[in-house]
C-alpha atoms as a PDB file:
ATOM      1  CA  MET A   1       0.000   0.000   0.000  1.00  0.00           C
ATOM      2  CA  ASN A   2       1.095   3.531  -0.705  1.00  0.00           C
ATOM      3  CA  ILE A   3       0.079   6.338   1.684  1.00  0.00           C
ATOM      4  CA  SER A   4      -0.377   9.430  -0.400  1.00  0.00           C
ATOM      5  CA  ASN A   5      -2.267  12.593  -1.090  1.00  0.00           C
ATOM      6  CA  HIS A   6      -3.454  11.170  -4.381  1.00  0.00           C
ATOM      7  CA  GLU A   7      -7.108  11.177  -5.150  1.00  0.00           C
ATOM      8  CA  ILE A   8      -9.522   8.460  -4.124  1.00  0.00           C
ATOM      9  CA  THR A   9      -9.820   5.705  -6.728  1.00  0.00           C
ATOM     10  CA  PRO A  10     -11.310   2.183  -6.739  1.00  0.00           C
ATOM     11  CA  GLY A  11      -9.503   0.115  -4.103  1.00  0.00           C
ATOM     12  CA  SER A  12      -8.419   3.129  -2.021  1.00  0.00           C
ATOM     13  CA  GLN A  13      -8.526   2.714   1.737  1.00  0.00           C
ATOM     14  CA  VAL A  14      -9.891   5.958   3.153  1.00  0.00           C
ATOM     15  CA  ARG A  15      -9.936   7.254   6.733  1.00  0.00           C
ATOM     16  CA  LEU A  16     -12.723   9.817   6.933  1.00  0.00           C
ATOM     17  CA  HIS A  17     -15.399  11.497   8.942  1.00  0.00           C
ATOM     18  CA  PHE A  18     -18.880  11.374   7.465  1.00  0.00           C
ATOM     19  CA  SER A  19     -22.500  11.972   8.267  1.00  0.00           C
ATOM     20  CA  LEU A  20     -25.717  10.841   6.640  1.00  0.00           C
ATOM     21  CA  SER A  21     -28.812  12.958   7.129  1.00  0.00           C
ATOM     22  CA  THR A  22     -32.214  13.025   5.541  1.00  0.00           C
ATOM     23  CA  ALA A  23     -33.042  16.052   3.432  1.00  0.00           C
ATOM     24  CA  ASP A  24     -35.247  17.358   6.260  1.00  0.00           C
ATOM     25  CA  GLY A  25     -32.249  17.465   8.632  1.00  0.00           C
ATOM     26  CA  PHE A  26     -32.553  14.209  10.634  1.00  0.00           C
ATOM     27  CA  GLU A  27     -28.987  12.942  11.214  1.00  0.00           C
ATOM     28  CA  ALA A  28     -28.994   9.145  10.925  1.00  0.00           C
ATOM     29  CA  ILE A  29     -25.273   8.650  11.588  1.00  0.00           C
ATOM     30  CA  SER A  30     -22.182  10.776  12.101  1.00  0.00           C
ATOM     31  CA  THR A  31     -18.554  10.072  12.964  1.00  0.00           C
ATOM     32  CA  PHE A  32     -17.595  13.741  13.322  1.00  0.00           C
ATOM     33  CA  HIS A  33     -17.541  13.563  17.145  1.00  0.00           C
ATOM     34  CA  GLU A  34     -16.220   9.994  17.285  1.00  0.00           C
ATOM     35  CA  GLU A  35     -13.401   7.935  15.838  1.00  0.00           C
ATOM     36  CA  PRO A  36     -13.142   8.312  12.063  1.00  0.00           C
ATOM     37  CA  ALA A  37     -14.347   5.499   9.840  1.00  0.00           C
ATOM     38  CA  VAL A  38     -11.999   3.495   7.633  1.00  0.00           C
ATOM     39  CA  VAL A  39     -13.462   2.127   4.400  1.00  0.00           C
ATOM     40  CA  THR A  40     -12.010   0.389   1.377  1.00  0.00           C
ATOM     41  CA  LEU A  41     -13.746   1.351  -1.849  1.00  0.00           C
ATOM     42  CA  GLY A  42     -15.067  -1.604  -3.793  1.00  0.00           C
ATOM     43  CA  GLN A  43     -15.378  -3.836  -0.698  1.00  0.00           C
ATOM     44  CA  GLY A  44     -19.024  -3.027   0.070  1.00  0.00           C
ATOM     45  CA  ASP A  45     -18.220  -0.880   3.128  1.00  0.00           C
ATOM     46  CA  LEU A  46     -20.406   1.872   1.629  1.00  0.00           C
ATOM     47  CA  SER A  47     -23.264   1.816  -0.856  1.00  0.00           C
ATOM     48  CA  GLU A  48     -22.241   2.242  -4.480  1.00  0.00           C
ATOM     49  CA  GLY A  49     -23.691   5.764  -4.604  1.00  0.00           C
ATOM     50  CA  LEU A  50     -21.735   6.893  -1.551  1.00  0.00           C
ATOM     51  CA  GLU A  51     -18.539   5.418  -3.001  1.00  0.00           C
ATOM     52  CA  LEU A  52     -19.082   7.235  -6.304  1.00  0.00           C
ATOM     53  CA  ALA A  53     -19.353  10.508  -4.367  1.00  0.00           C
ATOM     54  CA  LEU A  54     -15.850   9.937  -2.937  1.00  0.00           C
ATOM     55  CA  TYR A  55     -13.952   9.284  -6.175  1.00  0.00           C
ATOM     56  CA  GLY A  56     -11.562  12.105  -7.019  1.00  0.00           C
ATOM     57  CA  LEU A  57     -11.466  13.610  -3.528  1.00  0.00           C
ATOM     58  CA  LYS A  58      -8.083  14.223  -1.859  1.00  0.00           C
ATOM     59  CA  THR A  59      -6.801  14.333   1.708  1.00  0.00           C
ATOM     60  CA  GLY A  60      -8.230  17.409   3.456  1.00  0.00           C
ATOM     61  CA  ASP A  61     -11.215  17.723   1.116  1.00  0.00           C
ATOM     62  CA  LYS A  62     -14.601  18.423   2.696  1.00  0.00           C
ATOM     63  CA  GLN A  63     -17.781  17.976   0.734  1.00  0.00           C
ATOM     64  CA  THR A  64     -21.538  17.927   1.235  1.00  0.00           C
ATOM     65  CA  LEU A  65     -23.743  16.351  -1.416  1.00  0.00           C
ATOM     66  CA  LEU A  66     -27.455  15.731  -1.742  1.00  0.00           C
ATOM     67  CA  LEU A  67     -27.907  12.231  -3.114  1.00  0.00           C
ATOM     68  CA  GLU A  68     -31.287  11.238  -4.478  1.00  0.00           C
ATOM     69  CA  ALA A  69     -32.740   8.032  -3.027  1.00  0.00           C
ATOM     70  CA  ASP A  70     -31.696   5.982  -6.082  1.00  0.00           C
ATOM     71  CA  GLN A  71     -28.081   7.189  -5.698  1.00  0.00           C
ATOM     72  CA  ALA A  72     -27.902   6.583  -1.947  1.00  0.00           C
ATOM     73  CA  PHE A  73     -29.663   3.449  -0.662  1.00  0.00           C
ATOM     74  CA  GLY A  74     -32.129   2.844  -3.476  1.00  0.00           C
ATOM     75  CA  PRO A  75     -35.901   2.815  -3.441  1.00  0.00           C
ATOM     76  CA  ARG A  76     -37.928   1.101  -0.735  1.00  0.00           C
ATOM     77  CA  ASP A  77     -38.801  -2.450  -1.716  1.00  0.00           C
ATOM     78  CA  GLU A  78     -42.078  -3.655  -0.219  1.00  0.00           C
ATOM     79  CA  GLY A  79     -40.882  -7.194  -1.001  1.00  0.00           C
ATOM     80  CA  LYS A  80     -38.367  -6.723   1.835  1.00  0.00           C
ATOM     81  CA  VAL A  81     -41.181  -6.359   4.361  1.00  0.00           C
ATOM     82  CA  GLN A  82     -41.983  -9.830   5.658  1.00  0.00           C
ATOM     83  CA  THR A  83     -44.519 -11.218   8.090  1.00  0.00           C
ATOM     84  CA  MET A  84     -43.048 -13.886  10.343  1.00  0.00           C
ATOM     85  CA  ASP A  85     -44.568 -16.178  12.952  1.00  0.00           C
ATOM     86  CA  ARG A  86     -44.155 -14.833  16.456  1.00  0.00           C
ATOM     87  CA  SER A  87     -42.877 -18.297  17.449  1.00  0.00           C
ATOM     88  CA  ASP A  88     -39.801 -17.643  15.219  1.00  0.00           C
ATOM     89  CA  PHE A  89     -38.564 -15.189  17.871  1.00  0.00           C
ATOM     90  CA  SER A  90     -37.019 -16.041  21.222  1.00  0.00           C
ATOM     91  CA  ALA A  91     -39.333 -15.495  24.178  1.00  0.00           C
ATOM     92  CA  ASP A  92     -36.459 -13.489  25.726  1.00  0.00           C
ATOM     93  CA  ILE A  93     -36.842 -10.717  23.130  1.00  0.00           C
ATOM     94  CA  GLU A  94     -39.281  -7.974  24.057  1.00  0.00           C
ATOM     95  CA  LEU A  95     -40.731  -7.250  20.626  1.00  0.00           C
ATOM     96  CA  GLU A  96     -41.973  -3.736  19.885  1.00  0.00           C
ATOM     97  CA  PRO A  97     -42.244  -1.518  16.801  1.00  0.00           C
ATOM     98  CA  GLY A  98     -38.902   0.147  16.042  1.00  0.00           C
ATOM     99  CA  LEU A  99     -36.792  -2.679  17.495  1.00  0.00           C
ATOM    100  CA  VAL A 100     -33.928  -3.624  15.160  1.00  0.00           C
ATOM    101  CA  ILE A 101     -32.975  -7.296  15.205  1.00  0.00           C
ATOM    102  CA  GLY A 102     -30.072  -9.068  13.503  1.00  0.00           C
ATOM    103  CA  PHE A 103     -31.048 -12.044  11.350  1.00  0.00           C
ATOM    104  CA  GLU A 104     -28.753 -14.560   9.654  1.00  0.00           C
ATOM    105  CA  ALA A 105     -29.217 -14.496   5.889  1.00  0.00           C
ATOM    106  CA  PRO A 106     -28.961 -17.724   3.844  1.00  0.00           C
ATOM    107  CA  SER A 107     -25.444 -16.573   2.844  1.00  0.00           C
ATOM    108  CA  GLY A 108     -24.418 -16.576   6.521  1.00  0.00           C
ATOM    109  CA  THR A 109     -24.103 -12.793   6.770  1.00  0.00           C
ATOM    110  CA  GLU A 110     -26.119 -10.818   9.285  1.00  0.00           C
ATOM    111  CA  VAL A 111     -28.858  -8.486   8.078  1.00  0.00           C
ATOM    112  CA  GLY A 112     -30.853  -6.052  10.160  1.00  0.00           C
ATOM    113  CA  GLY A 113     -34.600  -5.971  10.197  1.00  0.00           C
ATOM    114  CA  MET A 114     -36.856  -3.529  12.018  1.00  0.00           C
ATOM    115  CA  VAL A 115     -40.081  -4.621  13.676  1.00  0.00           C
ATOM    116  CA  VAL A 116     -42.831  -2.446  12.204  1.00  0.00           C
ATOM    117  CA  GLU A 117     -45.969  -4.175  13.455  1.00  0.00           C
ATOM    118  CA  LEU A 118     -46.947  -7.152  15.614  1.00  0.00           C
ATOM    119  CA  ASP A 119     -49.858  -8.997  17.111  1.00  0.00           C
ATOM    120  CA  ALA A 120     -50.292 -12.183  19.164  1.00  0.00           C
ATOM    121  CA  ASP A 121     -49.446 -14.465  16.216  1.00  0.00           C
ATOM    122  CA  SER A 122     -47.219 -12.552  13.803  1.00  0.00           C
ATOM    123  CA  VAL A 123     -44.447  -9.975  13.511  1.00  0.00           C
ATOM    124  CA  LYS A 124     -43.991  -7.744  10.462  1.00  0.00           C
ATOM    125  CA  VAL A 125     -40.284  -7.025   9.844  1.00  0.00           C
ATOM    126  CA  ASP A 126     -38.854  -4.467   7.381  1.00  0.00           C
ATOM    127  CA  PHE A 127     -35.487  -5.490   5.911  1.00  0.00           C
ATOM    128  CA  ASN A 128     -35.057  -2.276   3.863  1.00  0.00           C
ATOM    129  CA  HIS A 129     -32.160  -0.001   4.817  1.00  0.00           C
ATOM    130  CA  PRO A 130     -33.632   2.694   7.115  1.00  0.00           C
ATOM    131  CA  LEU A 131     -32.667   5.366   4.555  1.00  0.00           C
ATOM    132  CA  ALA A 132     -34.017   3.467   1.528  1.00  0.00           C
ATOM    133  CA  GLY A 133     -36.406   5.612  -0.481  1.00  0.00           C
ATOM    134  CA  LYS A 134     -35.078   8.858   1.017  1.00  0.00           C
ATOM    135  CA  ASP A 135     -32.857  11.578  -0.370  1.00  0.00           C
ATOM    136  CA  VAL A 136     -29.684  11.696   1.725  1.00  0.00           C
ATOM    137  CA  VAL A 137     -27.280  14.519   2.593  1.00  0.00           C
ATOM    138  CA  PHE A 138     -23.773  12.995   2.608  1.00  0.00           C
ATOM    139  CA  THR A 139     -21.150  15.138   4.355  1.00  0.00           C
ATOM    140  CA  VAL A 140     -17.562  13.910   4.282  1.00  0.00           C
ATOM    141  CA  GLU A 141     -14.092  15.029   5.376  1.00  0.00           C
ATOM    142  CA  ILE A 142     -11.175  13.028   3.960  1.00  0.00           C
ATOM    143  CA  LEU A 143      -8.433  12.499   6.554  1.00  0.00           C
ATOM    144  CA  GLU A 144      -6.127   9.983   4.876  1.00  0.00           C
ATOM    145  CA  ILE A 145      -5.966   7.970   1.666  1.00  0.00           C
ATOM    146  CA  THR A 146      -4.003   4.782   1.117  1.00  0.00           C
ATOM    147  CA  ASN A 147      -4.000   3.742  -2.513  1.00  0.00           C
ATOM    148  CA  PRO A 148      -3.134   0.253  -3.699  1.00  0.00           C
ATOM    149  CA  THR A 149       0.414  -0.040  -5.002  1.00  0.00           C
ATOM    150  CA  VAL A 150       0.370  -0.267  -8.779  1.00  0.00           C
ATOM    151  CA  THR A 151       2.582  -3.009 -10.178  1.00  0.00           C
ATOM    152  CA  THR A 152       3.578  -3.153 -13.809  1.00  0.00           C
END
């Protein structure tokens, strides 16, 4: 790896501060008052739209962009809202709307789902990203870039 002030390209490892807010000002996440995030472009650390917004930036750059829903986390998919039997959940879990639960996907990875509705027999869970279907304000400050070493 080569630590440099070169611009961000595919495969760059980037140490940065960022925040994601909805267009109406609700801040969903921010690292600006915490430890910076470290992401490697092309590894799935960020959505494709957020990665595209980083390409070409350099160390020290600060940028705020409004990304339309399709560019950020995509449209909401009602097919990702599933009704499950209440018996599928441990009796230890106090189910309530808004609760986010980790589920194991068939691939073995963990995916988050939010309880949106429940009754005595069933639980409706939304597996959409919480910002899916929303325009997102992406604010970023690039702290350090490590680009892959190019071999010829």
